[in-house]
C-alpha atoms as a PDB file:
ATOM      1  CA  MET A   1       0.000   0.000   0.000  1.00  0.00           C
ATOM      2  CA  GLU A   2       1.487   3.284  -1.125  1.00  0.00           C
ATOM      3  CA  ALA A   3      -0.584   5.911   0.741  1.00  0.00           C
ATOM      4  CA  VAL A   4      -2.748   6.429   3.817  1.00  0.00           C
ATOM      5  CA  ILE A   5      -5.259   9.264   3.837  1.00  0.00           C
ATOM      6  CA  PHE A   6      -6.627  10.507   7.149  1.00  0.00           C
ATOM      7  CA  ASP A   7      -9.755  12.370   8.101  1.00  0.00           C
ATOM      8  CA  LEU A   8      -8.921  15.308  10.390  1.00  0.00           C
ATOM      9  CA  ASP A   9     -11.658  15.905  12.976  1.00  0.00           C
ATOM     10  CA  GLY A  10     -12.137  12.840  15.145  1.00  0.00           C
ATOM     11  CA  VAL A  11      -9.058  11.027  13.835  1.00  0.00           C
ATOM     12  CA  LEU A  12      -6.070  13.366  14.056  1.00  0.00           C
ATOM     13  CA  ALA A  13      -7.744  16.232  15.953  1.00  0.00           C
ATOM     14  CA  ASP A  14      -9.966  16.203  19.026  1.00  0.00           C
ATOM     15  CA  SER A  15     -11.910  19.306  18.050  1.00  0.00           C
ATOM     16  CA  ARG A  16     -14.889  18.948  20.377  1.00  0.00           C
ATOM     17  CA  VAL A  17     -14.125  21.994  22.546  1.00  0.00           C
ATOM     18  CA  ALA A  18     -13.528  24.337  19.613  1.00  0.00           C
ATOM     19  CA  PHE A  19     -16.594  23.028  17.781  1.00  0.00           C
ATOM     20  CA  LEU A  20     -18.976  23.273  20.734  1.00  0.00           C
ATOM     21  CA  ASN A  21     -17.770  26.708  21.821  1.00  0.00           C
ATOM     22  CA  SER A  22     -18.002  28.064  18.280  1.00  0.00           C
ATOM     23  CA  VAL A  23     -21.495  26.653  17.715  1.00  0.00           C
ATOM     24  CA  ARG A  24     -22.660  28.137  21.029  1.00  0.00           C
ATOM     25  CA  TYR A  25     -21.190  31.496  19.992  1.00  0.00           C
ATOM     26  CA  ALA A  26     -23.003  31.364  16.644  1.00  0.00           C
ATOM     27  CA  PHE A  27     -26.309  30.363  18.233  1.00  0.00           C
ATOM     28  CA  ASP A  28     -25.992  33.154  20.783  1.00  0.00           C
ATOM     29  CA  VAL A  29     -25.190  35.832  18.187  1.00  0.00           C
ATOM     30  CA  LEU A  30     -28.125  34.740  16.023  1.00  0.00           C
ATOM     31  CA  GLY A  31     -30.552  34.413  18.945  1.00  0.00           C
ATOM     32  CA  LEU A  32     -31.122  30.692  18.436  1.00  0.00           C
ATOM     33  CA  GLU A  33     -32.132  28.340  21.221  1.00  0.00           C
ATOM     34  CA  LEU A  34     -29.030  26.681  22.660  1.00  0.00           C
ATOM     35  CA  ARG A  35     -28.653  22.910  22.300  1.00  0.00           C
ATOM     36  CA  SER A  36     -27.000  20.324  24.522  1.00  0.00           C
ATOM     37  CA  ASP A  37     -23.602  18.830  23.740  1.00  0.00           C
ATOM     38  CA  GLU A  38     -25.336  15.535  22.958  1.00  0.00           C
ATOM     39  CA  GLU A  39     -27.483  17.239  20.312  1.00  0.00           C
ATOM     40  CA  LEU A  40     -24.570  19.085  18.729  1.00  0.00           C
ATOM     41  CA  LEU A  41     -21.732  16.554  18.616  1.00  0.00           C
ATOM     42  CA  PRO A  42     -23.243  14.334  15.860  1.00  0.00           C
ATOM     43  CA  TYR A  43     -22.802  17.326  13.522  1.00  0.00           C
ATOM     44  CA  LEU A  44     -19.037  17.511  14.094  1.00  0.00           C
ATOM     45  CA  GLY A  45     -17.484  16.053  10.977  1.00  0.00           C
ATOM     46  CA  PRO A  46     -20.040  16.214   8.156  1.00  0.00           C
ATOM     47  CA  PRO A  47     -20.125  19.326   5.929  1.00  0.00           C
ATOM     48  CA  PHE A  48     -22.051  22.064   7.706  1.00  0.00           C
ATOM     49  CA  VAL A  49     -24.251  22.644   4.647  1.00  0.00           C
ATOM     50  CA  VAL A  50     -25.515  19.115   5.298  1.00  0.00           C
ATOM     51  CA  GLY A  51     -25.463  19.023   9.110  1.00  0.00           C
ATOM     52  CA  PHE A  52     -26.707  22.459  10.109  1.00  0.00           C
ATOM     53  CA  PRO A  53     -29.965  22.304   8.070  1.00  0.00           C
ATOM     54  CA  GLU A  54     -30.700  18.957   9.721  1.00  0.00           C
ATOM     55  CA  LEU A  55     -29.888  20.355  13.159  1.00  0.00           C
ATOM     56  CA  LEU A  56     -32.157  23.374  12.641  1.00  0.00           C
ATOM     57  CA  GLY A  57     -34.855  21.501  10.754  1.00  0.00           C
ATOM     58  CA  VAL A  58     -34.727  23.903   7.792  1.00  0.00           C
ATOM     59  CA  ASP A  59     -34.093  23.763   4.049  1.00  0.00           C
ATOM     60  CA  PRO A  60     -30.374  23.760   3.128  1.00  0.00           C
ATOM     61  CA  GLN A  61     -30.940  26.982   1.164  1.00  0.00           C
ATOM     62  CA  ALA A  62     -32.501  28.819   4.127  1.00  0.00           C
ATOM     63  CA  PRO A  63     -30.529  32.034   4.875  1.00  0.00           C
ATOM     64  CA  ILE A  64     -30.063  31.009   8.518  1.00  0.00           C
ATOM     65  CA  VAL A  65     -27.787  28.140   7.412  1.00  0.00           C
ATOM     66  CA  ALA A  66     -25.228  30.437   5.761  1.00  0.00           C
ATOM     67  CA  GLN A  67     -25.521  32.891   8.663  1.00  0.00           C
ATOM     68  CA  LEU A  68     -24.826  30.118  11.170  1.00  0.00           C
ATOM     69  CA  ILE A  69     -21.799  28.897   9.208  1.00  0.00           C
ATOM     70  CA  ASP A  70     -20.402  32.433   8.968  1.00  0.00           C
ATOM     71  CA  ARG A  71     -20.823  33.170  12.682  1.00  0.00           C
ATOM     72  CA  TYR A  72     -19.329  29.771  13.573  1.00  0.00           C
ATOM     73  CA  ARG A  73     -16.258  30.463  11.454  1.00  0.00           C
ATOM     74  CA  GLU A  74     -15.978  33.968  12.896  1.00  0.00           C
ATOM     75  CA  ARG A  75     -14.959  32.455  16.224  1.00  0.00           C
ATOM     76  CA  TYR A  76     -13.449  29.176  15.054  1.00  0.00           C
ATOM     77  CA  ARG A  77     -10.899  30.834  12.781  1.00  0.00           C
ATOM     78  CA  THR A  78      -8.692  31.817  15.738  1.00  0.00           C
ATOM     79  CA  ALA A  79     -10.040  29.745  18.649  1.00  0.00           C
ATOM     80  CA  SER A  80      -9.449  26.378  16.993  1.00  0.00           C
ATOM     81  CA  LEU A  81      -5.674  26.604  17.270  1.00  0.00           C
ATOM     82  CA  SER A  82      -5.743  26.856  21.066  1.00  0.00           C
ATOM     83  CA  GLU A  83      -8.818  24.701  21.746  1.00  0.00           C
ATOM     84  CA  THR A  84      -7.896  21.636  19.685  1.00  0.00           C
ATOM     85  CA  SER A  85      -5.635  18.778  20.716  1.00  0.00           C
ATOM     86  CA  THR A  86      -4.606  15.484  19.199  1.00  0.00           C
ATOM     87  CA  TYR A  87      -5.301  12.035  20.618  1.00  0.00           C
ATOM     88  CA  PRO A  88      -2.878  10.172  22.905  1.00  0.00           C
ATOM     89  CA  GLY A  89      -0.630   7.930  20.841  1.00  0.00           C
ATOM     90  CA  MET A  90      -1.350   9.599  17.488  1.00  0.00           C
ATOM     91  CA  PRO A  91       2.053  11.322  17.070  1.00  0.00           C
ATOM     92  CA  GLU A  92       3.835   8.045  17.814  1.00  0.00           C
ATOM     93  CA  ALA A  93       1.585   6.113  15.421  1.00  0.00           C
ATOM     94  CA  LEU A  94       2.166   8.556  12.555  1.00  0.00           C
ATOM     95  CA  ALA A  95       5.919   8.400  13.096  1.00  0.00           C
ATOM     96  CA  GLN A  96       5.861   4.622  12.555  1.00  0.00           C
ATOM     97  CA  LEU A  97       3.978   4.625   9.248  1.00  0.00           C
ATOM     98  CA  PRO A  98       6.220   4.088   6.195  1.00  0.00           C
ATOM     99  CA  GLN A  99       3.584   5.073   3.629  1.00  0.00           C
ATOM    100  CA  ARG A 100       3.027   8.458   2.013  1.00  0.00           C
ATOM    101  CA  LEU A 101       0.404  10.315   4.060  1.00  0.00           C
ATOM    102  CA  GLY A 102      -2.399  12.700   3.178  1.00  0.00           C
ATOM    103  CA  VAL A 103      -5.452  14.340   4.736  1.00  0.00           C
ATOM    104  CA  ALA A 104      -8.961  14.543   3.276  1.00  0.00           C
ATOM    105  CA  THR A 105     -11.247  16.635   5.480  1.00  0.00           C
ATOM    106  CA  SER A 106     -14.633  18.353   5.278  1.00  0.00           C
ATOM    107  CA  LYS A 107     -13.072  21.253   7.184  1.00  0.00           C
ATOM    108  CA  PRO A 108     -12.190  24.125   4.813  1.00  0.00           C
ATOM    109  CA  ARG A 109      -8.564  23.806   3.774  1.00  0.00           C
ATOM    110  CA  GLU A 110      -7.947  27.372   4.976  1.00  0.00           C
ATOM    111  CA  PHE A 111      -8.652  26.156   8.526  1.00  0.00           C
ATOM    112  CA  ALA A 112      -7.221  22.654   8.172  1.00  0.00           C
ATOM    113  CA  GLU A 113      -3.693  23.664   7.158  1.00  0.00           C
ATOM    114  CA  PRO A 114      -2.927  25.890  10.200  1.00  0.00           C
ATOM    115  CA  LEU A 115      -4.597  23.409  12.548  1.00  0.00           C
ATOM    116  CA  ILE A 116      -2.470  20.497  11.322  1.00  0.00           C
ATOM    117  CA  THR A 117       0.582  22.728  11.668  1.00  0.00           C
ATOM    118  CA  ALA A 118      -0.408  23.683  15.234  1.00  0.00           C
ATOM    119  CA  LEU A 119      -0.768  19.995  16.110  1.00  0.00           C
ATOM    120  CA  GLY A 120       2.793  19.431  14.885  1.00  0.00           C
ATOM    121  CA  PHE A 121       1.892  17.091  12.008  1.00  0.00           C
ATOM    122  CA  ARG A 122       2.193  19.200   8.864  1.00  0.00           C
ATOM    123  CA  ASP A 123       5.572  17.823   7.795  1.00  0.00           C
ATOM    124  CA  ARG A 124       4.180  14.277   7.844  1.00  0.00           C
ATOM    125  CA  PHE A 125       1.536  14.946   5.176  1.00  0.00           C
ATOM    126  CA  GLU A 126       2.263  15.428   1.493  1.00  0.00           C
ATOM    127  CA  VAL A 127      -1.295  16.527   0.724  1.00  0.00           C
ATOM    128  CA  VAL A 128      -4.053  18.303   2.657  1.00  0.00           C
ATOM    129  CA  ALA A 129      -7.342  18.302   0.739  1.00  0.00           C
ATOM    130  CA  GLY A 130     -10.361  20.235   1.969  1.00  0.00           C
ATOM    131  CA  PRO A 131     -13.168  22.326   0.485  1.00  0.00           C
ATOM    132  CA  THR A 132     -13.071  26.056  -0.081  1.00  0.00           C
ATOM    133  CA  LEU A 133     -14.775  28.535   2.236  1.00  0.00           C
ATOM    134  CA  ASP A 134     -17.904  28.964   0.110  1.00  0.00           C
ATOM    135  CA  HIS A 135     -21.129  27.338   1.225  1.00  0.00           C
ATOM    136  CA  ASP A 136     -21.354  24.768  -1.571  1.00  0.00           C
ATOM    137  CA  ALA A 137     -21.203  21.203  -0.306  1.00  0.00           C
ATOM    138  CA  GLU A 138     -18.255  19.088  -1.397  1.00  0.00           C
ATOM    139  CA  THR A 139     -18.773  15.453  -0.522  1.00  0.00           C
ATOM    140  CA  LYS A 140     -16.097  13.461   1.253  1.00  0.00           C
ATOM    141  CA  ALA A 141     -15.859  11.318  -1.885  1.00  0.00           C
ATOM    142  CA  GLN A 142     -14.957  14.400  -3.938  1.00  0.00           C
ATOM    143  CA  THR A 143     -12.433  15.632  -1.378  1.00  0.00           C
ATOM    144  CA  LEU A 144     -10.833  12.202  -1.147  1.00  0.00           C
ATOM    145  CA  ARG A 145     -10.676  11.958  -4.934  1.00  0.00           C
ATOM    146  CA  ARG A 146      -8.704  15.203  -5.063  1.00  0.00           C
ATOM    147  CA  ALA A 147      -6.301  13.897  -2.415  1.00  0.00           C
ATOM    148  CA  LEU A 148      -5.733  10.707  -4.405  1.00  0.00           C
ATOM    149  CA  GLN A 149      -5.173  12.708  -7.581  1.00  0.00           C
ATOM    150  CA  ALA A 150      -2.648  14.932  -5.819  1.00  0.00           C
ATOM    151  CA  LEU A 151      -0.795  11.855  -4.560  1.00  0.00           C
ATOM    152  CA  GLU A 152      -1.103  10.292  -8.035  1.00  0.00           C
ATOM    153  CA  THR A 153      -2.121   6.903  -6.671  1.00  0.00           C
ATOM    154  CA  THR A 154      -5.149   4.734  -5.956  1.00  0.00           C
ATOM    155  CA  ASP A 155      -3.078   2.263  -3.949  1.00  0.00           C
ATOM    156  CA  ALA A 156      -4.331   3.805  -0.724  1.00  0.00           C
ATOM    157  CA  ILE A 157      -6.564   3.401   2.312  1.00  0.00           C
ATOM    158  CA  MET A 158      -8.722   5.900   4.207  1.00  0.00           C
ATOM    159  CA  VAL A 159      -8.752   6.274   7.999  1.00  0.00           C
ATOM    160  CA  GLY A 160     -11.932   7.889   9.324  1.00  0.00           C
ATOM    161  CA  ASP A 161     -14.413   8.030  12.179  1.00  0.00           C
ATOM    162  CA  ARG A 162     -17.763   8.635  10.408  1.00  0.00           C
ATOM    163  CA  ARG A 163     -19.867   6.920   7.766  1.00  0.00           C
ATOM    164  CA  PHE A 164     -19.003   9.731   5.346  1.00  0.00           C
ATOM    165  CA  ASP A 165     -15.384   8.553   5.406  1.00  0.00           C
ATOM    166  CA  VAL A 166     -16.347   4.950   4.703  1.00  0.00           C
ATOM    167  CA  GLU A 167     -18.738   5.917   1.927  1.00  0.00           C
ATOM    168  CA  GLY A 168     -16.201   8.311   0.407  1.00  0.00           C
ATOM    169  CA  ALA A 169     -13.500   5.658   0.408  1.00  0.00           C
ATOM    170  CA  HIS A 170     -15.699   3.026  -1.201  1.00  0.00           C
ATOM    171  CA  ALA A 171     -16.892   5.531  -3.813  1.00  0.00           C
ATOM    172  CA  ASN A 172     -13.227   5.874  -4.809  1.00  0.00           C
ATOM    173  CA  GLY A 173     -12.597   2.150  -4.820  1.00  0.00           C
ATOM    174  CA  ILE A 174     -10.414   2.009  -1.699  1.00  0.00           C
ATOM    175  CA  GLU A 175     -10.851   0.506   1.765  1.00  0.00           C
ATOM    176  CA  CYS A 176     -11.552   2.413   4.969  1.00  0.00           C
ATOM    177  CA  ILE A 177     -10.329   1.738   8.488  1.00  0.00           C
ATOM    178  CA  GLY A 178     -12.914   3.041  10.950  1.00  0.00           C
ATOM    179  CA  VAL A 179     -11.701   4.390  14.294  1.00  0.00           C
ATOM    180  CA  THR A 180     -13.773   4.521  17.461  1.00  0.00           C
ATOM    181  CA  TRP A 181     -11.870   7.247  19.332  1.00  0.00           C
ATOM    182  CA  GLY A 182     -13.537   9.977  17.269  1.00  0.00           C
ATOM    183  CA  PHE A 183     -17.109  11.199  16.935  1.00  0.00           C
ATOM    184  CA  GLY A 184     -18.836   8.282  15.250  1.00  0.00           C
ATOM    185  CA  THR A 185     -19.875   5.026  16.874  1.00  0.00           C
ATOM    186  CA  ARG A 186     -18.831   1.472  16.154  1.00  0.00           C
ATOM    187  CA  GLU A 187     -22.400   0.798  15.043  1.00  0.00           C
ATOM    188  CA  GLU A 188     -22.281   3.685  12.545  1.00  0.00           C
ATOM    189  CA  LEU A 189     -19.011   2.412  11.099  1.00  0.00           C
ATOM    190  CA  GLU A 190     -20.257  -1.177  10.901  1.00  0.00           C
ATOM    191  CA  LEU A 191     -23.492  -0.145   9.165  1.00  0.00           C
ATOM    192  CA  ALA A 192     -21.500   1.925   6.677  1.00  0.00           C
ATOM    193  CA  GLY A 193     -19.371  -1.122   5.863  1.00  0.00           C
ATOM    194  CA  ALA A 194     -15.983  -0.148   7.318  1.00  0.00           C
ATOM    195  CA  ASP A 195     -13.445  -2.726   6.193  1.00  0.00           C
ATOM    196  CA  ARG A 196     -11.725  -2.755   9.582  1.00  0.00           C
ATOM    197  CA  ILE A 197     -12.417  -1.023  12.893  1.00  0.00           C
ATOM    198  CA  ILE A 198      -9.807  -0.131  15.513  1.00  0.00           C
ATOM    199  CA  ASP A 199     -10.042   1.384  18.979  1.00  0.00           C
ATOM    200  CA  ASP A 200      -6.674   3.065  19.560  1.00  0.00           C
ATOM    201  CA  PRO A 201      -4.052   4.914  17.474  1.00  0.00           C
ATOM    202  CA  SER A 202      -1.438   2.375  18.562  1.00  0.00           C
ATOM    203  CA  GLU A 203      -3.189  -0.188  16.327  1.00  0.00           C
ATOM    204  CA  LEU A 204      -2.521   1.823  13.157  1.00  0.00           C
ATOM    205  CA  PRO A 205       1.100   0.699  12.571  1.00  0.00           C
ATOM    206  CA  VAL A 206       0.024  -2.938  12.885  1.00  0.00           C
ATOM    207  CA  GLN A 207      -2.978  -2.564  10.571  1.00  0.00           C
ATOM    208  CA  LEU A 208      -0.935  -0.614   8.025  1.00  0.00           C
ATOM    209  CA  ALA A 209       2.230  -2.711   8.104  1.00  0.00           C
ATOM    210  CA  PRO A 210       3.596  -3.341   4.575  1.00  0.00           C
END
C-alpha cells in the first residue's frame, strides 16, 4: 500500500471543545435556542451545509444556514488553534507509518492547514485536501478523490471516524479503516461497511504494516 489518507476531525484532531464553543457562539449571536452537547456533537465532521440544516430543521438553502456557518467560522478561525488537541498515541503512530500520508477533510482547507501545523503534524503529510470557504457542499468522496489525484495513486486506504469517510472511500474504490476514538460510533461504522475497525491509534502501525 502506497498511501494512507486521514480524516482530520475525530481522527487526528480532538476538536470537540472548539466546535462546541463556536457553535454556542453562533447560536448566541443569532438568537437561536441553545442545544445540549449531545445534540450538537453528531454534527461535528459532516459538511455544515448538510449538518446544520438537519440540526435546525430547515431547508439547506434557508438564509439562517449560511448565517450560522459564517458566525461559527468567525470564532473558530482563531479559537481552533488553542482549543484543539490530538489524541494520545497519534504522534507516535504517525511516526511509525512508512507510507506516504495525506489528509482529506470536510473542514475548509484554509482552517485545516494551520490546525495540522499547530498539532505538529504538517511535515508528515504530502497533501491536505479540503473544500473552499464557500457554502457549496463538497462530498467526502470528492475531497478524497482530489487527495488521491494529488498523490497520483489509488493504492491507498482511508482512515476515518464517520460513515461519510467509509462511503467516500468506497466511492473511490479504496478501503476504509474506521476508528472509534472519534465522533462516530462502532455501530455507525459497521453499518456503513468499514473494512476494519480499531479502537486506539497504537493499532494503526500494525494494521498498516507493509
